[in-house]
Amino acid sequence: MKQSRGGAERDRKTRSDKKVAVAPNISDEYRVWIHRIARRLEIPEGIVGSRLVIAALEDEKCISFFRTYFRRAYQIQENHVMYPLFEPANIYSFLDMGTDRHGRFKLKFSRNMAERLTEFQIALGVNFFAHAVKALLEYALKEPIIVQKVAPGIVFSDYQKTLPVSKNNSNSDVWSIFK
């Protein structure tokens, strides 16, 4: 808090367009996929991740997929509400929490989108905002239609390929100090 000259305290104003930060814990494999899409689009990885989450949240097929995990009703639009099933599945069975190599992936969302994501989190019944974002991000990366919305023209198999295993350089025209 700042003090004015008279000694009275006053609160600082916050920006009206301030972004909400979230850092879900994603596996390195997903991070590589996001990196490849970002390199193809020539934009930062955080923006690609945010666009993937937003596209997944706006995709009706995605929301109907997560309906099996809903514990509470989720309002998609003003007149459209999805109610949970009688015995919802556990969302942690879908999330990739068990792999060894994970890292924080920093994303930022507008306040309106953060409110929509919070409603999605409440519907899933998870305690952490980052887990709901992680679920949407992992679903988006596995769904070719959502990837096409974010990166038109990208072939799904191109960004999903694993890194080459062999260390042999197949391009003999490239200069190298190891020759």
N, C-alpha and C. Protein backbone atom coordinates (compact mmCIF):
# COMPACT_ATOMS: atom_id res chain seq x y z
N MET A 1 0.83 -1.18 0.00
CA MET A 1 0.00 0.00 0.00
C MET A 1 0.88 1.25 0.00
N LYS A 2 0.40 2.22 -0.66
CA LYS A 2 1.12 3.47 -0.75
C LYS A 2 0.54 4.48 0.22
N GLN A 3 1.38 5.32 0.75
CA GLN A 3 0.88 6.38 1.61
C GLN A 3 0.93 7.69 0.85
N SER A 4 -0.10 8.48 1.04
CA SER A 4 -0.09 9.81 0.43
C SER A 4 0.63 10.75 1.39
N ARG A 5 0.78 11.98 1.00
CA ARG A 5 1.52 12.94 1.82
C ARG A 5 0.86 13.19 3.16
N GLY A 6 -0.44 13.04 3.21
CA GLY A 6 -1.15 13.28 4.46
C GLY A 6 -1.05 12.12 5.42
N GLY A 7 -0.47 11.00 5.00
CA GLY A 7 -0.30 9.86 5.88
C GLY A 7 -1.40 8.82 5.75
N ALA A 8 -2.47 9.12 5.03
CA ALA A 8 -3.56 8.15 4.86
C ALA A 8 -3.17 7.13 3.79
N GLU A 9 -3.55 5.89 4.01
CA GLU A 9 -3.24 4.84 3.05
C GLU A 9 -4.31 4.76 1.98
N ARG A 10 -3.88 4.42 0.78
CA ARG A 10 -4.84 4.21 -0.31
C ARG A 10 -4.38 3.02 -1.13
N ASP A 11 -5.32 2.31 -1.68
CA ASP A 11 -5.01 1.13 -2.48
C ASP A 11 -4.65 1.54 -3.90
N ARG A 12 -3.77 0.75 -4.48
CA ARG A 12 -3.42 0.98 -5.87
C ARG A 12 -4.53 0.44 -6.76
N LYS A 13 -4.72 1.09 -7.87
CA LYS A 13 -5.70 0.62 -8.83
C LYS A 13 -5.12 -0.53 -9.64
N THR A 14 -5.97 -1.48 -9.99
CA THR A 14 -5.53 -2.57 -10.86
C THR A 14 -6.01 -2.30 -12.27
N ARG A 15 -5.26 -2.80 -13.21
CA ARG A 15 -5.64 -2.60 -14.61
C ARG A 15 -6.93 -3.32 -14.92
N SER A 16 -7.73 -2.73 -15.76
CA SER A 16 -9.00 -3.37 -16.14
C SER A 16 -8.78 -4.55 -17.08
N ASP A 17 -7.66 -4.55 -17.82
CA ASP A 17 -7.38 -5.64 -18.76
C ASP A 17 -6.29 -6.58 -18.24
N LYS A 18 -6.10 -6.63 -16.92
CA LYS A 18 -5.06 -7.46 -16.33
C LYS A 18 -5.32 -8.94 -16.61
N LYS A 19 -4.26 -9.64 -16.93
CA LYS A 19 -4.35 -11.07 -17.24
C LYS A 19 -4.19 -11.90 -15.97
N VAL A 20 -4.80 -13.08 -15.98
CA VAL A 20 -4.69 -14.02 -14.88
C VAL A 20 -3.69 -15.09 -15.29
N ALA A 21 -2.68 -15.31 -14.46
CA ALA A 21 -1.63 -16.29 -14.77
C ALA A 21 -1.98 -17.64 -14.16
N VAL A 22 -1.65 -18.69 -14.89
CA VAL A 22 -1.81 -20.06 -14.41
C VAL A 22 -0.65 -20.87 -14.98
N ALA A 23 -0.15 -21.80 -14.17
CA ALA A 23 0.99 -22.60 -14.61
C ALA A 23 0.71 -24.09 -14.38
N PRO A 24 -0.01 -24.73 -15.32
CA PRO A 24 -0.24 -26.17 -15.16
C PRO A 24 1.05 -26.95 -15.33
N ASN A 25 1.10 -28.09 -14.71
CA ASN A 25 2.26 -28.97 -14.77
C ASN A 25 2.05 -29.95 -15.92
N ILE A 26 2.76 -29.74 -17.04
CA ILE A 26 2.56 -30.61 -18.20
C ILE A 26 3.81 -31.42 -18.47
N SER A 27 3.63 -32.54 -19.16
CA SER A 27 4.77 -33.41 -19.47
C SER A 27 5.62 -32.77 -20.58
N ASP A 28 6.84 -33.22 -20.65
CA ASP A 28 7.76 -32.69 -21.67
C ASP A 28 7.31 -33.03 -23.08
N GLU A 29 6.62 -34.15 -23.25
CA GLU A 29 6.12 -34.54 -24.56
C GLU A 29 5.12 -33.49 -25.08
N TYR A 30 4.20 -33.06 -24.22
CA TYR A 30 3.24 -32.03 -24.62
C TYR A 30 3.94 -30.70 -24.86
N ARG A 31 4.96 -30.41 -24.07
CA ARG A 31 5.70 -29.16 -24.25
C ARG A 31 6.38 -29.13 -25.61
N VAL A 32 6.89 -30.28 -26.06
CA VAL A 32 7.54 -30.36 -27.38
C VAL A 32 6.50 -30.12 -28.47
N TRP A 33 5.31 -30.70 -28.32
CA TRP A 33 4.25 -30.48 -29.31
C TRP A 33 3.90 -29.00 -29.39
N ILE A 34 3.75 -28.36 -28.25
CA ILE A 34 3.41 -26.92 -28.24
C ILE A 34 4.55 -26.12 -28.86
N HIS A 35 5.78 -26.50 -28.57
CA HIS A 35 6.93 -25.80 -29.13
C HIS A 35 6.95 -25.89 -30.66
N ARG A 36 6.63 -27.06 -31.18
CA ARG A 36 6.61 -27.23 -32.64
C ARG A 36 5.52 -26.40 -33.29
N ILE A 37 4.36 -26.34 -32.66
CA ILE A 37 3.28 -25.50 -33.20
C ILE A 37 3.69 -24.03 -33.14
N ALA A 38 4.31 -23.63 -32.04
CA ALA A 38 4.74 -22.23 -31.87
C ALA A 38 5.79 -21.85 -32.91
N ARG A 39 6.71 -22.76 -33.19
CA ARG A 39 7.72 -22.48 -34.21
C ARG A 39 7.10 -22.36 -35.59
N ARG A 40 6.10 -23.19 -35.87
CA ARG A 40 5.43 -23.14 -37.16
C ARG A 40 4.67 -21.83 -37.33
N LEU A 41 4.01 -21.36 -36.23
CA LEU A 41 3.23 -20.13 -36.30
C LEU A 41 4.06 -18.87 -36.03
N GLU A 42 5.28 -19.06 -35.52
CA GLU A 42 6.18 -17.96 -35.17
C GLU A 42 5.56 -17.04 -34.12
N ILE A 43 4.98 -17.64 -33.10
CA ILE A 43 4.46 -16.90 -31.94
C ILE A 43 4.93 -17.61 -30.68
N PRO A 44 4.90 -16.91 -29.53
CA PRO A 44 5.38 -17.54 -28.28
C PRO A 44 4.55 -18.75 -27.87
N GLU A 45 5.19 -19.66 -27.15
CA GLU A 45 4.55 -20.90 -26.72
C GLU A 45 3.37 -20.64 -25.79
N GLY A 46 3.47 -19.63 -24.93
CA GLY A 46 2.39 -19.31 -24.01
C GLY A 46 1.11 -18.91 -24.73
N ILE A 47 1.26 -18.19 -25.81
CA ILE A 47 0.10 -17.78 -26.60
C ILE A 47 -0.52 -18.99 -27.29
N VAL A 48 0.32 -19.89 -27.79
CA VAL A 48 -0.19 -21.12 -28.42
C VAL A 48 -0.97 -21.94 -27.39
N GLY A 49 -0.41 -22.09 -26.20
CA GLY A 49 -1.09 -22.84 -25.14
C GLY A 49 -2.41 -22.21 -24.76
N SER A 50 -2.44 -20.88 -24.65
CA SER A 50 -3.68 -20.18 -24.31
C SER A 50 -4.73 -20.37 -25.40
N ARG A 51 -4.29 -20.28 -26.65
CA ARG A 51 -5.23 -20.46 -27.76
C ARG A 51 -5.78 -21.89 -27.80
N LEU A 52 -4.94 -22.86 -27.49
CA LEU A 52 -5.40 -24.25 -27.46
C LEU A 52 -6.46 -24.45 -26.37
N VAL A 53 -6.21 -23.88 -25.19
CA VAL A 53 -7.17 -24.03 -24.08
C VAL A 53 -8.49 -23.34 -24.42
N ILE A 54 -8.42 -22.15 -25.00
CA ILE A 54 -9.64 -21.42 -25.36
C ILE A 54 -10.42 -22.17 -26.44
N ALA A 55 -9.69 -22.69 -27.44
CA ALA A 55 -10.36 -23.45 -28.51
C ALA A 55 -11.02 -24.71 -27.95
N ALA A 56 -10.36 -25.35 -27.00
CA ALA A 56 -10.94 -26.55 -26.39
C ALA A 56 -12.18 -26.19 -25.57
N LEU A 57 -12.14 -25.09 -24.86
CA LEU A 57 -13.27 -24.68 -24.04
C LEU A 57 -14.48 -24.29 -24.89
N GLU A 58 -14.24 -23.83 -26.11
CA GLU A 58 -15.32 -23.43 -27.00
C GLU A 58 -15.78 -24.56 -27.91
N ASP A 59 -15.12 -25.71 -27.84
CA ASP A 59 -15.47 -26.85 -28.68
C ASP A 59 -16.55 -27.69 -27.99
N GLU A 60 -17.66 -27.90 -28.67
CA GLU A 60 -18.78 -28.65 -28.08
C GLU A 60 -18.42 -30.12 -27.85
N LYS A 61 -17.64 -30.70 -28.76
CA LYS A 61 -17.22 -32.09 -28.60
C LYS A 61 -16.36 -32.26 -27.34
N CYS A 62 -15.52 -31.28 -27.08
CA CYS A 62 -14.66 -31.32 -25.90
C CYS A 62 -15.48 -31.26 -24.62
N ILE A 63 -16.44 -30.36 -24.57
CA ILE A 63 -17.28 -30.22 -23.38
C ILE A 63 -18.12 -31.47 -23.17
N SER A 64 -18.63 -32.04 -24.24
CA SER A 64 -19.40 -33.27 -24.08
C SER A 64 -18.50 -34.44 -23.64
N PHE A 65 -17.22 -34.42 -24.03
CA PHE A 65 -16.28 -35.43 -23.55
C PHE A 65 -16.08 -35.29 -22.04
N PHE A 66 -15.90 -34.06 -21.57
CA PHE A 66 -15.66 -33.83 -20.15
C PHE A 66 -16.93 -33.95 -19.31
N ARG A 67 -18.06 -34.07 -19.95
CA ARG A 67 -19.31 -34.22 -19.20
C ARG A 67 -19.29 -35.47 -18.33
N THR A 68 -18.59 -36.50 -18.77
CA THR A 68 -18.50 -37.73 -17.98
C THR A 68 -17.74 -37.50 -16.68
N TYR A 69 -16.98 -36.41 -16.60
CA TYR A 69 -16.21 -36.10 -15.40
C TYR A 69 -16.86 -35.01 -14.54
N PHE A 70 -17.91 -34.36 -15.06
CA PHE A 70 -18.54 -33.26 -14.32
C PHE A 70 -19.15 -33.74 -13.01
N ARG A 71 -18.93 -32.98 -11.97
CA ARG A 71 -19.55 -33.24 -10.68
C ARG A 71 -20.67 -32.25 -10.39
N ARG A 72 -20.66 -31.12 -11.10
CA ARG A 72 -21.69 -30.09 -10.97
C ARG A 72 -22.11 -29.64 -12.36
N ALA A 73 -23.22 -28.93 -12.42
CA ALA A 73 -23.71 -28.43 -13.71
C ALA A 73 -22.74 -27.39 -14.26
N TYR A 74 -22.60 -27.36 -15.58
CA TYR A 74 -21.72 -26.42 -16.25
C TYR A 74 -22.54 -25.64 -17.27
N GLN A 75 -22.52 -24.32 -17.14
CA GLN A 75 -23.27 -23.46 -18.04
C GLN A 75 -22.38 -23.06 -19.21
N ILE A 76 -22.71 -23.59 -20.39
CA ILE A 76 -21.92 -23.30 -21.58
C ILE A 76 -22.25 -21.91 -22.11
N GLN A 77 -23.54 -21.66 -22.27
CA GLN A 77 -24.03 -20.34 -22.67
C GLN A 77 -25.18 -20.00 -21.74
N GLU A 78 -25.81 -18.87 -21.97
CA GLU A 78 -26.89 -18.47 -21.09
C GLU A 78 -28.05 -19.46 -21.08
N ASN A 79 -28.36 -20.03 -22.23
CA ASN A 79 -29.50 -20.94 -22.33
C ASN A 79 -29.09 -22.41 -22.43
N HIS A 80 -27.81 -22.71 -22.29
CA HIS A 80 -27.33 -24.08 -22.47
C HIS A 80 -26.54 -24.52 -21.24
N VAL A 81 -27.09 -25.48 -20.51
CA VAL A 81 -26.45 -26.01 -19.31
C VAL A 81 -26.25 -27.50 -19.48
N MET A 82 -25.06 -27.99 -19.13
CA MET A 82 -24.79 -29.43 -19.15
C MET A 82 -24.77 -29.92 -17.72
N TYR A 83 -25.57 -30.94 -17.48
CA TYR A 83 -25.65 -31.51 -16.15
C TYR A 83 -24.77 -32.75 -16.06
N PRO A 84 -24.24 -33.04 -14.88
CA PRO A 84 -23.37 -34.21 -14.75
C PRO A 84 -24.15 -35.51 -14.82
N LEU A 85 -23.43 -36.58 -15.08
CA LEU A 85 -24.02 -37.91 -15.08
C LEU A 85 -24.21 -38.35 -13.62
N PHE A 86 -24.95 -39.44 -13.41
CA PHE A 86 -25.23 -39.88 -12.06
C PHE A 86 -23.98 -40.36 -11.33
N GLU A 87 -23.10 -41.03 -12.03
CA GLU A 87 -21.85 -41.48 -11.43
C GLU A 87 -20.68 -40.96 -12.27
N PRO A 88 -20.20 -39.75 -11.98
CA PRO A 88 -19.12 -39.19 -12.79
C PRO A 88 -17.80 -39.92 -12.56
N ALA A 89 -16.99 -39.96 -13.60
CA ALA A 89 -15.66 -40.59 -13.52
C ALA A 89 -14.70 -39.63 -12.84
N ASN A 90 -13.59 -40.14 -12.42
CA ASN A 90 -12.56 -39.34 -11.78
C ASN A 90 -11.69 -38.67 -12.85
N ILE A 91 -11.57 -37.35 -12.80
CA ILE A 91 -10.82 -36.61 -13.82
C ILE A 91 -9.33 -36.96 -13.78
N TYR A 92 -8.83 -37.38 -12.63
CA TYR A 92 -7.41 -37.70 -12.53
C TYR A 92 -7.05 -38.99 -13.26
N SER A 93 -8.05 -39.78 -13.63
CA SER A 93 -7.77 -40.94 -14.48
C SER A 93 -7.47 -40.50 -15.92
N PHE A 94 -7.96 -39.32 -16.33
CA PHE A 94 -7.68 -38.78 -17.66
C PHE A 94 -6.36 -38.01 -17.68
N LEU A 95 -6.09 -37.26 -16.62
CA LEU A 95 -4.90 -36.41 -16.59
C LEU A 95 -3.63 -37.24 -16.52
N ASP A 96 -2.61 -36.75 -17.19
CA ASP A 96 -1.30 -37.41 -17.23
C ASP A 96 -0.47 -36.92 -16.04
N MET A 97 -0.70 -37.52 -14.86
CA MET A 97 -0.01 -37.07 -13.65
C MET A 97 1.15 -37.98 -13.28
N GLY A 98 1.25 -39.16 -13.86
CA GLY A 98 2.20 -40.15 -13.40
C GLY A 98 3.54 -40.18 -14.10
N THR A 99 3.71 -39.46 -15.21
CA THR A 99 4.98 -39.54 -15.92
C THR A 99 6.08 -38.82 -15.15
N ASP A 100 7.31 -39.19 -15.43
CA ASP A 100 8.44 -38.69 -14.67
C ASP A 100 8.78 -37.24 -14.98
N ARG A 101 8.77 -36.89 -16.25
CA ARG A 101 9.27 -35.57 -16.65
C ARG A 101 8.12 -34.60 -16.84
N HIS A 102 7.95 -33.72 -15.87
CA HIS A 102 6.93 -32.68 -15.92
C HIS A 102 7.59 -31.33 -15.68
N GLY A 103 6.92 -30.30 -16.10
CA GLY A 103 7.40 -28.95 -15.85
C GLY A 103 6.24 -27.97 -15.90
N ARG A 104 6.42 -26.85 -15.26
CA ARG A 104 5.40 -25.81 -15.27
C ARG A 104 5.36 -25.15 -16.64
N PHE A 105 4.15 -24.89 -17.12
CA PHE A 105 3.95 -24.23 -18.40
C PHE A 105 3.09 -23.01 -18.14
N LYS A 106 3.66 -21.83 -18.28
CA LYS A 106 2.99 -20.60 -17.87
C LYS A 106 2.06 -20.09 -18.97
N LEU A 107 0.81 -19.84 -18.59
CA LEU A 107 -0.21 -19.32 -19.49
C LEU A 107 -0.86 -18.10 -18.85
N LYS A 108 -1.41 -17.23 -19.68
CA LYS A 108 -2.14 -16.07 -19.18
C LYS A 108 -3.46 -15.96 -19.92
N PHE A 109 -4.51 -15.62 -19.16
CA PHE A 109 -5.85 -15.49 -19.72
C PHE A 109 -6.46 -14.17 -19.27
N SER A 110 -7.38 -13.66 -20.08
CA SER A 110 -8.11 -12.46 -19.68
C SER A 110 -9.03 -12.82 -18.51
N ARG A 111 -9.53 -11.82 -17.85
CA ARG A 111 -10.41 -12.07 -16.69
C ARG A 111 -11.67 -12.83 -17.08
N ASN A 112 -12.27 -12.47 -18.21
CA ASN A 112 -13.48 -13.16 -18.65
C ASN A 112 -13.21 -14.63 -18.92
N MET A 113 -12.10 -14.92 -19.58
CA MET A 113 -11.76 -16.31 -19.86
C MET A 113 -11.42 -17.04 -18.57
N ALA A 114 -10.75 -16.37 -17.65
CA ALA A 114 -10.43 -17.00 -16.36
C ALA A 114 -11.70 -17.34 -15.58
N GLU A 115 -12.72 -16.50 -15.69
CA GLU A 115 -14.00 -16.80 -15.04
C GLU A 115 -14.65 -18.02 -15.67
N ARG A 116 -14.60 -18.12 -17.00
CA ARG A 116 -15.16 -19.30 -17.68
C ARG A 116 -14.39 -20.56 -17.30
N LEU A 117 -13.08 -20.44 -17.19
CA LEU A 117 -12.26 -21.58 -16.79
C LEU A 117 -12.53 -21.98 -15.34
N THR A 118 -12.80 -20.99 -14.49
CA THR A 118 -13.14 -21.28 -13.10
C THR A 118 -14.46 -22.02 -13.02
N GLU A 119 -15.43 -21.64 -13.84
CA GLU A 119 -16.70 -22.37 -13.89
C GLU A 119 -16.48 -23.81 -14.36
N PHE A 120 -15.57 -23.99 -15.31
CA PHE A 120 -15.24 -25.34 -15.78
C PHE A 120 -14.57 -26.14 -14.66
N GLN A 121 -13.69 -25.48 -13.91
CA GLN A 121 -13.02 -26.13 -12.79
C GLN A 121 -14.03 -26.58 -11.74
N ILE A 122 -14.99 -25.73 -11.43
CA ILE A 122 -16.02 -26.07 -10.45
C ILE A 122 -16.86 -27.23 -10.94
N ALA A 123 -17.18 -27.23 -12.24
CA ALA A 123 -17.98 -28.33 -12.80
C ALA A 123 -17.21 -29.65 -12.72
N LEU A 124 -15.91 -29.61 -12.94
CA LEU A 124 -15.11 -30.83 -12.83
C LEU A 124 -14.94 -31.28 -11.38
N GLY A 125 -15.03 -30.34 -10.47
CA GLY A 125 -14.88 -30.67 -9.06
C GLY A 125 -13.44 -30.83 -8.64
N VAL A 126 -12.51 -30.18 -9.33
CA VAL A 126 -11.11 -30.23 -8.93
C VAL A 126 -10.79 -29.02 -8.06
N ASN A 127 -9.80 -29.20 -7.18
CA ASN A 127 -9.47 -28.14 -6.24
C ASN A 127 -8.59 -27.06 -6.85
N PHE A 128 -7.84 -27.40 -7.88
CA PHE A 128 -6.87 -26.47 -8.42
C PHE A 128 -7.25 -26.01 -9.83
N PHE A 129 -7.13 -24.71 -10.05
CA PHE A 129 -7.41 -24.09 -11.33
C PHE A 129 -6.50 -24.68 -12.41
N ALA A 130 -5.23 -24.92 -12.06
CA ALA A 130 -4.26 -25.43 -13.03
C ALA A 130 -4.62 -26.83 -13.52
N HIS A 131 -5.30 -27.63 -12.71
CA HIS A 131 -5.67 -28.97 -13.14
C HIS A 131 -6.75 -28.93 -14.21
N ALA A 132 -7.69 -28.00 -14.09
CA ALA A 132 -8.72 -27.85 -15.12
C ALA A 132 -8.10 -27.37 -16.43
N VAL A 133 -7.17 -26.42 -16.35
CA VAL A 133 -6.49 -25.92 -17.54
C VAL A 133 -5.65 -27.03 -18.17
N LYS A 134 -4.99 -27.83 -17.34
CA LYS A 134 -4.19 -28.95 -17.84
C LYS A 134 -5.07 -29.95 -18.59
N ALA A 135 -6.26 -30.23 -18.06
CA ALA A 135 -7.16 -31.17 -18.72
C ALA A 135 -7.54 -30.66 -20.11
N LEU A 136 -7.88 -29.39 -20.21
CA LEU A 136 -8.25 -28.82 -21.51
C LEU A 136 -7.06 -28.81 -22.47
N LEU A 137 -5.88 -28.49 -21.96
CA LEU A 137 -4.69 -28.43 -22.80
C LEU A 137 -4.33 -29.81 -23.34
N GLU A 138 -4.38 -30.82 -22.49
CA GLU A 138 -4.07 -32.17 -22.94
C GLU A 138 -5.10 -32.67 -23.95
N TYR A 139 -6.38 -32.36 -23.71
CA TYR A 139 -7.40 -32.77 -24.67
C TYR A 139 -7.18 -32.07 -26.01
N ALA A 140 -6.87 -30.78 -25.97
CA ALA A 140 -6.68 -30.02 -27.20
C ALA A 140 -5.52 -30.56 -28.02
N LEU A 141 -4.46 -30.97 -27.36
CA LEU A 141 -3.30 -31.49 -28.09
C LEU A 141 -3.55 -32.86 -28.70
N LYS A 142 -4.50 -33.60 -28.16
CA LYS A 142 -4.81 -34.92 -28.69
C LYS A 142 -5.88 -34.87 -29.78
N GLU A 143 -6.53 -33.73 -29.94
CA GLU A 143 -7.64 -33.61 -30.89
C GLU A 143 -7.20 -32.81 -32.12
N PRO A 144 -7.12 -33.45 -33.30
CA PRO A 144 -6.64 -32.75 -34.50
C PRO A 144 -7.50 -31.56 -34.91
N ILE A 145 -8.79 -31.60 -34.67
CA ILE A 145 -9.66 -30.51 -35.08
C ILE A 145 -9.33 -29.23 -34.31
N ILE A 146 -9.04 -29.36 -33.03
CA ILE A 146 -8.70 -28.18 -32.22
C ILE A 146 -7.34 -27.64 -32.63
N VAL A 147 -6.39 -28.52 -32.92
CA VAL A 147 -5.09 -28.07 -33.38
C VAL A 147 -5.23 -27.33 -34.71
N GLN A 148 -6.11 -27.82 -35.59
CA GLN A 148 -6.35 -27.15 -36.88
C GLN A 148 -6.96 -25.76 -36.68
N LYS A 149 -7.80 -25.59 -35.65
CA LYS A 149 -8.37 -24.26 -35.38
C LYS A 149 -7.30 -23.28 -34.96
N VAL A 150 -6.35 -23.74 -34.16
CA VAL A 150 -5.29 -22.86 -33.66
C VAL A 150 -4.22 -22.64 -34.72
N ALA A 151 -3.83 -23.72 -35.41
CA ALA A 151 -2.77 -23.65 -36.41
C ALA A 151 -3.27 -24.23 -37.72
N PRO A 152 -4.00 -23.45 -38.52
CA PRO A 152 -4.50 -23.98 -39.77
C PRO A 152 -3.36 -24.39 -40.70
N GLY A 153 -3.56 -25.51 -41.36
CA GLY A 153 -2.56 -25.99 -42.31
C GLY A 153 -1.54 -26.94 -41.71
N ILE A 154 -1.51 -27.07 -40.42
CA ILE A 154 -0.55 -27.99 -39.81
C ILE A 154 -1.09 -29.41 -39.89
N VAL A 155 -0.23 -30.34 -40.23
CA VAL A 155 -0.62 -31.74 -40.31
C VAL A 155 -0.45 -32.34 -38.93
N PHE A 156 -1.47 -33.05 -38.48
CA PHE A 156 -1.48 -33.57 -37.11
C PHE A 156 -0.29 -34.47 -36.83
N SER A 157 0.12 -35.28 -37.79
CA SER A 157 1.24 -36.20 -37.56
C SER A 157 2.58 -35.46 -37.53
N ASP A 158 2.65 -34.26 -38.12
CA ASP A 158 3.91 -33.51 -38.15
C ASP A 158 4.37 -33.10 -36.76
N TYR A 159 3.46 -32.55 -35.98
CA TYR A 159 3.89 -32.05 -34.68
C TYR A 159 3.88 -33.13 -33.62
N GLN A 160 3.29 -34.27 -33.93
CA GLN A 160 3.19 -35.34 -32.94
C GLN A 160 4.33 -36.35 -33.05
N LYS A 161 5.16 -36.21 -34.05
CA LYS A 161 6.28 -37.14 -34.22
C LYS A 161 7.24 -37.01 -33.04
N THR A 162 7.81 -38.11 -32.67
CA THR A 162 8.82 -38.06 -31.61
C THR A 162 10.13 -37.61 -32.19
N LEU A 163 11.01 -37.17 -31.34
CA LEU A 163 12.32 -36.71 -31.79
C LEU A 163 13.12 -37.89 -32.34
N PRO A 164 13.98 -37.66 -33.33
CA PRO A 164 14.74 -38.76 -33.91
C PRO A 164 15.67 -39.39 -32.87
N VAL A 165 15.80 -40.71 -32.95
CA VAL A 165 16.61 -41.45 -32.00
C VAL A 165 18.06 -41.52 -32.45
N SER A 166 18.27 -41.68 -33.74
CA SER A 166 19.64 -41.84 -34.24
C SER A 166 20.41 -40.52 -34.17
N LYS A 167 21.72 -40.65 -33.93
CA LYS A 167 22.57 -39.47 -33.84
C LYS A 167 23.30 -39.21 -35.14
N ASN A 168 23.14 -40.07 -36.12
CA ASN A 168 23.81 -39.90 -37.41
C ASN A 168 23.18 -38.75 -38.15
N ASN A 169 24.03 -37.92 -38.73
CA ASN A 169 23.55 -36.78 -39.49
C ASN A 169 23.28 -37.24 -40.92
N SER A 170 22.00 -37.21 -41.31
CA SER A 170 21.66 -37.69 -42.65
C SER A 170 21.99 -36.68 -43.74
N ASN A 171 22.16 -35.42 -43.39
CA ASN A 171 22.48 -34.39 -44.36
C ASN A 171 24.00 -34.21 -44.39
N SER A 172 24.66 -34.76 -45.40
CA SER A 172 26.12 -34.72 -45.46
C SER A 172 26.65 -33.36 -45.91
N ASP A 173 25.80 -32.49 -46.45
CA ASP A 173 26.24 -31.18 -46.92
C ASP A 173 26.42 -30.17 -45.79
N VAL A 174 25.96 -30.51 -44.61
CA VAL A 174 26.04 -29.58 -43.49
C VAL A 174 27.44 -29.62 -42.90
N TRP A 175 28.02 -28.44 -42.65
CA TRP A 175 29.34 -28.36 -42.07
C TRP A 175 29.27 -28.72 -40.60
N SER A 176 30.25 -29.47 -40.10
CA SER A 176 30.26 -29.86 -38.71
C SER A 176 31.70 -29.98 -38.22
N ILE A 177 31.93 -29.71 -36.95
CA ILE A 177 33.26 -29.86 -36.39
C ILE A 177 33.57 -31.32 -36.09
N PHE A 178 32.57 -32.20 -36.13
CA PHE A 178 32.75 -33.60 -35.80
C PHE A 178 33.13 -34.45 -37.01
N LYS A 179 33.28 -33.88 -38.19
CA LYS A 179 33.62 -34.65 -39.38
C LYS A 179 35.09 -34.99 -39.39
